[in-house]
Amino acid sequence: MKPTPTERAAYVLREAFDHPYQQIAEVLETGQANARQLVQPGAPTPGRRAAGAGGRGRAPAAARSDPYVSSLLGP
């Protein structure tokens, strides 16, 4: 199932930019618990997470290939 734009935004904010759930909740105008749930559908399956610092630091390959995300992340 394809994630919604809100789920993708929550996932990118958490995984690519390492924002805390509270900040994601504020950006998406929702509660912190809901922000946590929004991130989960976009989470990669175990074993496919990027290496290093808990998988954070670089956006997942799928996010880097998205033109909008690429414009936010830069080269």
N, C-alpha and C. Protein backbone atom coordinates (compact mmCIF):
# COMPACT_ATOMS: atom_id res chain seq x y z
N MET A 1 0.85 -1.18 0.00
CA MET A 1 0.00 0.00 0.00
C MET A 1 0.89 1.24 0.00
N LYS A 2 0.58 2.17 -0.85
CA LYS A 2 1.35 3.39 -0.99
C LYS A 2 1.04 4.35 0.17
N PRO A 3 2.07 4.92 0.81
CA PRO A 3 1.81 5.86 1.92
C PRO A 3 1.18 7.15 1.41
N THR A 4 0.39 7.76 2.27
CA THR A 4 -0.23 9.05 1.94
C THR A 4 0.83 10.14 1.97
N PRO A 5 0.55 11.30 1.38
CA PRO A 5 1.50 12.41 1.45
C PRO A 5 1.86 12.79 2.89
N THR A 6 0.89 12.73 3.81
CA THR A 6 1.15 13.06 5.21
C THR A 6 2.09 12.03 5.83
N GLU A 7 1.87 10.74 5.52
CA GLU A 7 2.74 9.69 6.03
C GLU A 7 4.16 9.86 5.48
N ARG A 8 4.25 10.19 4.20
CA ARG A 8 5.58 10.39 3.61
C ARG A 8 6.28 11.58 4.24
N ALA A 9 5.55 12.66 4.47
CA ALA A 9 6.15 13.84 5.10
C ALA A 9 6.65 13.50 6.49
N ALA A 10 5.83 12.81 7.27
CA ALA A 10 6.23 12.42 8.62
C ALA A 10 7.47 11.54 8.58
N TYR A 11 7.49 10.59 7.66
CA TYR A 11 8.63 9.68 7.53
C TYR A 11 9.91 10.43 7.16
N VAL A 12 9.83 11.32 6.20
CA VAL A 12 11.01 12.07 5.77
C VAL A 12 11.51 12.99 6.89
N LEU A 13 10.59 13.66 7.57
CA LEU A 13 11.00 14.53 8.68
C LEU A 13 11.71 13.73 9.77
N ARG A 14 11.25 12.51 10.04
CA ARG A 14 11.85 11.70 11.10
C ARG A 14 13.16 11.03 10.64
N GLU A 15 13.11 10.36 9.51
CA GLU A 15 14.25 9.55 9.07
C GLU A 15 15.35 10.36 8.39
N ALA A 16 14.99 11.32 7.57
CA ALA A 16 16.01 12.10 6.85
C ALA A 16 16.54 13.27 7.67
N PHE A 17 15.65 13.92 8.41
CA PHE A 17 16.04 15.12 9.14
C PHE A 17 16.14 14.91 10.65
N ASP A 18 15.77 13.72 11.12
CA ASP A 18 15.86 13.34 12.54
C ASP A 18 15.10 14.28 13.46
N HIS A 19 13.96 14.81 12.98
CA HIS A 19 13.14 15.68 13.82
C HIS A 19 12.47 14.84 14.91
N PRO A 20 12.32 15.40 16.12
CA PRO A 20 11.59 14.68 17.18
C PRO A 20 10.10 14.62 16.82
N TYR A 21 9.42 13.62 17.38
CA TYR A 21 8.00 13.44 17.08
C TYR A 21 7.17 14.68 17.45
N GLN A 22 7.55 15.37 18.51
CA GLN A 22 6.81 16.57 18.92
C GLN A 22 6.85 17.62 17.81
N GLN A 23 8.02 17.80 17.20
CA GLN A 23 8.15 18.79 16.12
C GLN A 23 7.38 18.34 14.88
N ILE A 24 7.41 17.06 14.58
CA ILE A 24 6.65 16.54 13.44
C ILE A 24 5.16 16.78 13.68
N ALA A 25 4.71 16.53 14.90
CA ALA A 25 3.31 16.76 15.25
C ALA A 25 2.91 18.21 15.04
N GLU A 26 3.78 19.14 15.41
CA GLU A 26 3.48 20.56 15.24
C GLU A 26 3.39 20.92 13.76
N VAL A 27 4.34 20.42 12.97
CA VAL A 27 4.36 20.72 11.53
C VAL A 27 3.10 20.18 10.85
N LEU A 28 2.70 18.97 11.23
CA LEU A 28 1.55 18.32 10.60
C LEU A 28 0.23 18.64 11.30
N GLU A 29 0.31 19.48 12.34
CA GLU A 29 -0.87 19.91 13.09
C GLU A 29 -1.66 18.71 13.60
N THR A 30 -0.98 17.85 14.33
CA THR A 30 -1.58 16.65 14.92
C THR A 30 -0.95 16.39 16.27
N GLY A 31 -1.37 15.35 16.93
CA GLY A 31 -0.80 14.99 18.23
C GLY A 31 0.48 14.19 18.06
N GLN A 32 1.26 14.15 19.11
CA GLN A 32 2.54 13.44 19.08
C GLN A 32 2.35 11.94 18.85
N ALA A 33 1.35 11.34 19.50
CA ALA A 33 1.09 9.91 19.30
C ALA A 33 0.71 9.63 17.85
N ASN A 34 -0.08 10.51 17.25
CA ASN A 34 -0.46 10.32 15.85
C ASN A 34 0.75 10.48 14.93
N ALA A 35 1.64 11.40 15.26
CA ALA A 35 2.85 11.57 14.46
C ALA A 35 3.68 10.29 14.45
N ARG A 36 3.78 9.64 15.61
CA ARG A 36 4.50 8.36 15.69
C ARG A 36 3.85 7.32 14.78
N GLN A 37 2.53 7.26 14.79
CA GLN A 37 1.82 6.29 13.96
C GLN A 37 1.97 6.61 12.48
N LEU A 38 2.02 7.89 12.14
CA LEU A 38 2.18 8.27 10.74
C LEU A 38 3.54 7.84 10.18
N VAL A 39 4.55 7.85 11.02
CA VAL A 39 5.90 7.47 10.57
C VAL A 39 5.96 5.97 10.29
N GLN A 40 5.27 5.16 11.07
CA GLN A 40 5.38 3.71 10.96
C GLN A 40 5.03 3.14 9.59
N PRO A 41 3.94 3.56 8.91
CA PRO A 41 3.64 2.95 7.62
C PRO A 41 4.75 3.15 6.59
N GLY A 42 5.49 4.23 6.70
CA GLY A 42 6.56 4.48 5.75
C GLY A 42 7.89 3.86 6.15
N ALA A 43 7.93 3.22 7.30
CA ALA A 43 9.19 2.65 7.79
C ALA A 43 9.61 1.46 6.93
N PRO A 44 10.89 1.37 6.63
CA PRO A 44 11.36 0.22 5.85
C PRO A 44 11.27 -1.05 6.68
N THR A 45 11.22 -2.18 6.00
CA THR A 45 11.18 -3.45 6.71
C THR A 45 12.53 -3.71 7.36
N PRO A 46 12.58 -4.48 8.45
CA PRO A 46 13.85 -4.76 9.12
C PRO A 46 14.86 -5.35 8.15
N GLY A 47 16.10 -4.91 8.32
CA GLY A 47 17.17 -5.40 7.45
C GLY A 47 17.39 -4.54 6.22
N ARG A 48 16.46 -3.62 5.95
CA ARG A 48 16.61 -2.75 4.79
C ARG A 48 16.93 -1.33 5.20
N ARG A 49 17.15 -1.10 6.48
CA ARG A 49 17.44 0.22 7.00
C ARG A 49 18.87 0.62 6.63
N ALA A 50 19.08 1.89 6.36
CA ALA A 50 20.41 2.38 6.00
C ALA A 50 21.40 2.16 7.14
N ALA A 51 22.64 1.94 6.81
CA ALA A 51 23.67 1.69 7.81
C ALA A 51 24.07 2.98 8.51
N GLY A 52 24.64 2.83 9.72
CA GLY A 52 25.14 3.98 10.47
C GLY A 52 24.09 4.58 11.37
N ALA A 53 24.47 5.24 12.41
CA ALA A 53 23.65 5.98 13.39
C ALA A 53 22.17 5.65 13.35
N GLY A 54 21.84 4.40 13.53
CA GLY A 54 20.44 4.02 13.57
C GLY A 54 19.73 4.16 12.24
N GLY A 55 20.50 4.22 11.14
CA GLY A 55 19.89 4.34 9.83
C GLY A 55 19.60 5.78 9.45
N ARG A 56 19.98 6.71 10.28
CA ARG A 56 19.70 8.11 9.97
C ARG A 56 20.93 8.78 9.38
N GLY A 57 20.75 9.94 8.83
CA GLY A 57 21.86 10.70 8.26
C GLY A 57 21.68 10.90 6.77
N ARG A 58 21.22 9.88 6.07
CA ARG A 58 20.90 10.00 4.66
C ARG A 58 19.49 9.51 4.47
N ALA A 59 18.81 10.12 3.55
CA ALA A 59 17.45 9.67 3.26
C ALA A 59 17.51 8.31 2.58
N PRO A 60 16.50 7.49 2.79
CA PRO A 60 16.44 6.21 2.10
C PRO A 60 16.46 6.42 0.59
N ALA A 61 16.92 5.44 -0.15
CA ALA A 61 17.05 5.56 -1.60
C ALA A 61 15.73 5.98 -2.25
N ALA A 62 14.62 5.42 -1.78
CA ALA A 62 13.32 5.78 -2.36
C ALA A 62 13.02 7.26 -2.15
N ALA A 63 13.38 7.79 -0.99
CA ALA A 63 13.15 9.22 -0.73
C ALA A 63 14.08 10.08 -1.58
N ARG A 64 15.33 9.64 -1.76
CA ARG A 64 16.27 10.42 -2.57
C ARG A 64 15.85 10.47 -4.03
N SER A 65 15.12 9.44 -4.51
CA SER A 65 14.71 9.43 -5.91
C SER A 65 13.46 10.28 -6.16
N ASP A 66 12.76 10.68 -5.11
CA ASP A 66 11.60 11.54 -5.24
C ASP A 66 12.09 12.96 -5.53
N PRO A 67 11.66 13.57 -6.66
CA PRO A 67 12.16 14.90 -7.02
C PRO A 67 11.92 15.96 -5.95
N TYR A 68 10.76 15.91 -5.29
CA TYR A 68 10.49 16.90 -4.25
C TYR A 68 11.43 16.74 -3.09
N VAL A 69 11.62 15.51 -2.62
CA VAL A 69 12.51 15.26 -1.50
C VAL A 69 13.95 15.62 -1.90
N SER A 70 14.34 15.27 -3.10
CA SER A 70 15.68 15.60 -3.58
C SER A 70 15.94 17.10 -3.56
N SER A 71 14.92 17.87 -3.92
CA SER A 71 15.09 19.33 -3.91
C SER A 71 15.27 19.85 -2.49
N LEU A 72 14.66 19.16 -1.50
CA LEU A 72 14.82 19.56 -0.11
C LEU A 72 16.18 19.15 0.46
N LEU A 73 16.63 17.97 0.07
CA LEU A 73 17.86 17.41 0.62
C LEU A 73 19.12 17.92 -0.06
N GLY A 74 18.99 18.31 -1.31
CA GLY A 74 20.17 18.73 -2.05
C GLY A 74 20.95 17.53 -2.56
N PRO A 75 22.14 17.78 -3.14
CA PRO A 75 22.91 16.67 -3.73
C PRO A 75 23.42 15.68 -2.70
